[in-house]
Amino acid sequence: VDGKVIVFDIGQGQALTDSFAVHNDQPVYGLAFSRGNGILASGGADDKIAVHNLSNFASEMETIAHSKISSKPSDVSLGDYYTKSTSVLHLSFTRRNLLLGAGNFDQ
């Protein structure tokens, strides 16, 4: 409910990154990973889709064996895309890496 994203290694049961705030203390409802290029999209109650580049985490993981990676949000964020008045409830990347988002329109 705090608008933060944390990346975990479920095999080791530990966080790979510090949490980074992306949704202005609003709930994050949807997450989607792209196919093969380390892009994570998140959508939430703040009427925003945030796009993050996680490929640097993967390259750091190969050199640092399962220690927590600290990264500033500016290093991760690729951009924020705002809707008119719609909470983003679901995100999905297509096979061609097009990002689709769905939500409810509030008037």
C-alpha atoms as a PDB file:
ATOM      1  CA  VAL A   1       0.000   0.000   0.000  1.00  0.00           C
ATOM      2  CA  ASP A   2       3.034   2.285   0.108  1.00  0.00           C
ATOM      3  CA  GLY A   3       3.663   2.532  -3.659  1.00  0.00           C
ATOM      4  CA  LYS A   4       7.054   0.802  -3.543  1.00  0.00           C
ATOM      5  CA  VAL A   5       8.507  -2.020  -5.639  1.00  0.00           C
ATOM      6  CA  ILE A   6      11.018  -4.579  -4.330  1.00  0.00           C
ATOM      7  CA  VAL A   7      12.655  -7.248  -6.536  1.00  0.00           C
ATOM      8  CA  PHE A   8      13.146 -10.631  -4.810  1.00  0.00           C
ATOM      9  CA  ASP A   9      15.106 -13.778  -5.639  1.00  0.00           C
ATOM     10  CA  ILE A  10      12.556 -16.403  -4.645  1.00  0.00           C
ATOM     11  CA  GLY A  11      15.123 -19.199  -4.886  1.00  0.00           C
ATOM     12  CA  GLN A  12      17.267 -17.608  -2.174  1.00  0.00           C
ATOM     13  CA  GLY A  13      14.357 -15.954  -0.368  1.00  0.00           C
ATOM     14  CA  GLN A  14      15.941 -12.522  -0.192  1.00  0.00           C
ATOM     15  CA  ALA A  15      15.456  -9.071  -1.652  1.00  0.00           C
ATOM     16  CA  LEU A  16      17.778  -8.230  -4.542  1.00  0.00           C
ATOM     17  CA  THR A  17      17.091  -4.506  -4.408  1.00  0.00           C
ATOM     18  CA  ASP A  18      16.168  -1.875  -1.923  1.00  0.00           C
ATOM     19  CA  SER A  19      12.599  -0.736  -2.361  1.00  0.00           C
ATOM     20  CA  PHE A  20      12.114   2.142  -4.751  1.00  0.00           C
ATOM     21  CA  ALA A  21       9.051   4.356  -4.532  1.00  0.00           C
ATOM     22  CA  VAL A  22       7.269   4.771  -7.840  1.00  0.00           C
ATOM     23  CA  HIS A  23       3.589   5.382  -7.129  1.00  0.00           C
ATOM     24  CA  ASN A  24       3.309   8.316  -4.677  1.00  0.00           C
ATOM     25  CA  ASP A  25       2.249   6.278  -1.632  1.00  0.00           C
ATOM     26  CA  GLN A  26      -0.612   4.717  -3.611  1.00  0.00           C
ATOM     27  CA  PRO A  27      -1.142   0.948  -4.036  1.00  0.00           C
ATOM     28  CA  VAL A  28       0.591  -0.856  -6.913  1.00  0.00           C
ATOM     29  CA  TYR A  29      -2.015  -3.017  -8.689  1.00  0.00           C
ATOM     30  CA  GLY A  30      -0.212  -4.410 -11.726  1.00  0.00           C
ATOM     31  CA  LEU A  31       3.293  -5.546 -12.681  1.00  0.00           C
ATOM     32  CA  ALA A  32       4.583  -6.949 -15.965  1.00  0.00           C
ATOM     33  CA  PHE A  33       8.037  -8.083 -17.133  1.00  0.00           C
ATOM     34  CA  SER A  34       8.990  -7.772 -20.789  1.00  0.00           C
ATOM     35  CA  ARG A  35      10.379 -10.724 -22.679  1.00  0.00           C
ATOM     36  CA  GLY A  36      14.146 -10.846 -22.555  1.00  0.00           C
ATOM     37  CA  ASN A  37      15.233  -7.244 -22.061  1.00  0.00           C
ATOM     38  CA  GLY A  38      14.750  -6.551 -18.344  1.00  0.00           C
ATOM     39  CA  ILE A  39      11.928  -4.023 -18.499  1.00  0.00           C
ATOM     40  CA  LEU A  40       9.436  -3.941 -15.631  1.00  0.00           C
ATOM     41  CA  ALA A  41       6.217  -1.935 -15.885  1.00  0.00           C
ATOM     42  CA  SER A  42       4.118  -1.099 -12.845  1.00  0.00           C
ATOM     43  CA  GLY A  43       0.676   0.445 -12.605  1.00  0.00           C
ATOM     44  CA  GLY A  44      -1.262   1.700  -9.653  1.00  0.00           C
ATOM     45  CA  ALA A  45      -3.964   3.791  -8.051  1.00  0.00           C
ATOM     46  CA  ASP A  46      -2.155   7.041  -8.865  1.00  0.00           C
ATOM     47  CA  ASP A  47      -3.289   6.846 -12.542  1.00  0.00           C
ATOM     48  CA  LYS A  48       0.262   6.139 -13.712  1.00  0.00           C
ATOM     49  CA  ILE A  49       2.241   3.473 -15.551  1.00  0.00           C
ATOM     50  CA  ALA A  50       5.903   3.537 -14.534  1.00  0.00           C
ATOM     51  CA  VAL A  51       8.497   1.781 -16.707  1.00  0.00           C
ATOM     52  CA  HIS A  52      11.715   0.546 -15.094  1.00  0.00           C
ATOM     53  CA  ASN A  53      14.965  -0.854 -16.525  1.00  0.00           C
ATOM     54  CA  LEU A  54      16.085  -3.821 -14.444  1.00  0.00           C
ATOM     55  CA  SER A  55      18.776  -5.092 -16.825  1.00  0.00           C
ATOM     56  CA  ASN A  56      21.522  -3.464 -14.736  1.00  0.00           C
ATOM     57  CA  PHE A  57      20.359  -5.577 -11.782  1.00  0.00           C
ATOM     58  CA  ALA A  58      20.861  -8.740 -13.844  1.00  0.00           C
ATOM     59  CA  SER A  59      24.388  -7.747 -14.878  1.00  0.00           C
ATOM     60  CA  GLU A  60      25.291  -6.819 -11.291  1.00  0.00           C
ATOM     61  CA  MET A  61      23.867 -10.155 -10.099  1.00  0.00           C
ATOM     62  CA  GLU A  62      26.389 -12.010 -12.246  1.00  0.00           C
ATOM     63  CA  THR A  63      29.312 -10.183 -10.624  1.00  0.00           C
ATOM     64  CA  ILE A  64      27.997  -9.957  -7.047  1.00  0.00           C
ATOM     65  CA  ALA A  65      26.783 -13.298  -5.725  1.00  0.00           C
ATOM     66  CA  HIS A  66      23.350 -12.673  -4.170  1.00  0.00           C
ATOM     67  CA  SER A  67      24.159  -9.578  -2.146  1.00  0.00           C
ATOM     68  CA  LYS A  68      21.654  -6.749  -2.005  1.00  0.00           C
ATOM     69  CA  ILE A  69      22.010  -4.348  -4.909  1.00  0.00           C
ATOM     70  CA  SER A  70      21.460  -0.714  -4.103  1.00  0.00           C
ATOM     71  CA  SER A  71      20.277   1.469  -6.933  1.00  0.00           C
ATOM     72  CA  LYS A  72      18.802   4.925  -7.014  1.00  0.00           C
ATOM     73  CA  PRO A  73      15.342   5.279  -8.569  1.00  0.00           C
ATOM     74  CA  SER A  74      16.795   7.608 -11.218  1.00  0.00           C
ATOM     75  CA  ASP A  75      19.033   4.737 -12.381  1.00  0.00           C
ATOM     76  CA  VAL A  76      16.014   2.475 -12.764  1.00  0.00           C
ATOM     77  CA  SER A  77      13.226   4.674 -14.119  1.00  0.00           C
ATOM     78  CA  LEU A  78      12.720   4.912 -17.873  1.00  0.00           C
ATOM     79  CA  GLY A  79       9.593   7.028 -17.696  1.00  0.00           C
ATOM     80  CA  ASP A  80       6.176   7.644 -16.232  1.00  0.00           C
ATOM     81  CA  TYR A  81       3.017   7.643 -18.341  1.00  0.00           C
ATOM     82  CA  TYR A  82      -0.140   9.132 -16.864  1.00  0.00           C
ATOM     83  CA  THR A  83      -3.700   8.195 -17.730  1.00  0.00           C
ATOM     84  CA  LYS A  84      -6.492  10.736 -17.860  1.00  0.00           C
ATOM     85  CA  SER A  85      -8.396   9.454 -14.835  1.00  0.00           C
ATOM     86  CA  THR A  86      -7.867   5.697 -14.666  1.00  0.00           C
ATOM     87  CA  SER A  87      -6.279   3.521 -12.014  1.00  0.00           C
ATOM     88  CA  VAL A  88      -4.106   0.931 -13.762  1.00  0.00           C
ATOM     89  CA  LEU A  89      -5.256  -2.511 -12.621  1.00  0.00           C
ATOM     90  CA  HIS A  90      -3.482  -4.865 -15.029  1.00  0.00           C
ATOM     91  CA  LEU A  91      -0.434  -4.730 -17.304  1.00  0.00           C
ATOM     92  CA  SER A  92       0.827  -7.201 -19.876  1.00  0.00           C
ATOM     93  CA  PHE A  93       3.552  -7.253 -22.523  1.00  0.00           C
ATOM     94  CA  THR A  94       2.645  -8.839 -25.863  1.00  0.00           C
ATOM     95  CA  ARG A  95       4.949 -11.199 -27.758  1.00  0.00           C
ATOM     96  CA  ARG A  96       6.204  -8.146 -29.659  1.00  0.00           C
ATOM     97  CA  ASN A  97       6.927  -6.322 -26.363  1.00  0.00           C
ATOM     98  CA  LEU A  98       4.051  -3.882 -26.670  1.00  0.00           C
ATOM     99  CA  LEU A  99       2.714  -2.895 -23.266  1.00  0.00           C
ATOM    100  CA  LEU A 100      -1.030  -3.156 -22.693  1.00  0.00           C
ATOM    101  CA  GLY A 101      -2.718  -1.659 -19.661  1.00  0.00           C
ATOM    102  CA  ALA A 102      -6.257  -1.986 -18.327  1.00  0.00           C
ATOM    103  CA  GLY A 103      -8.113  -0.120 -15.644  1.00  0.00           C
ATOM    104  CA  ASN A 104     -11.356   1.465 -14.564  1.00  0.00           C
ATOM    105  CA  PHE A 105     -12.297   4.937 -15.798  1.00  0.00           C
ATOM    106  CA  ASP A 106     -13.311   7.294 -12.987  1.00  0.00           C
ATOM    107  CA  GLN A 107     -15.317  10.373 -13.893  1.00  0.00           C
END
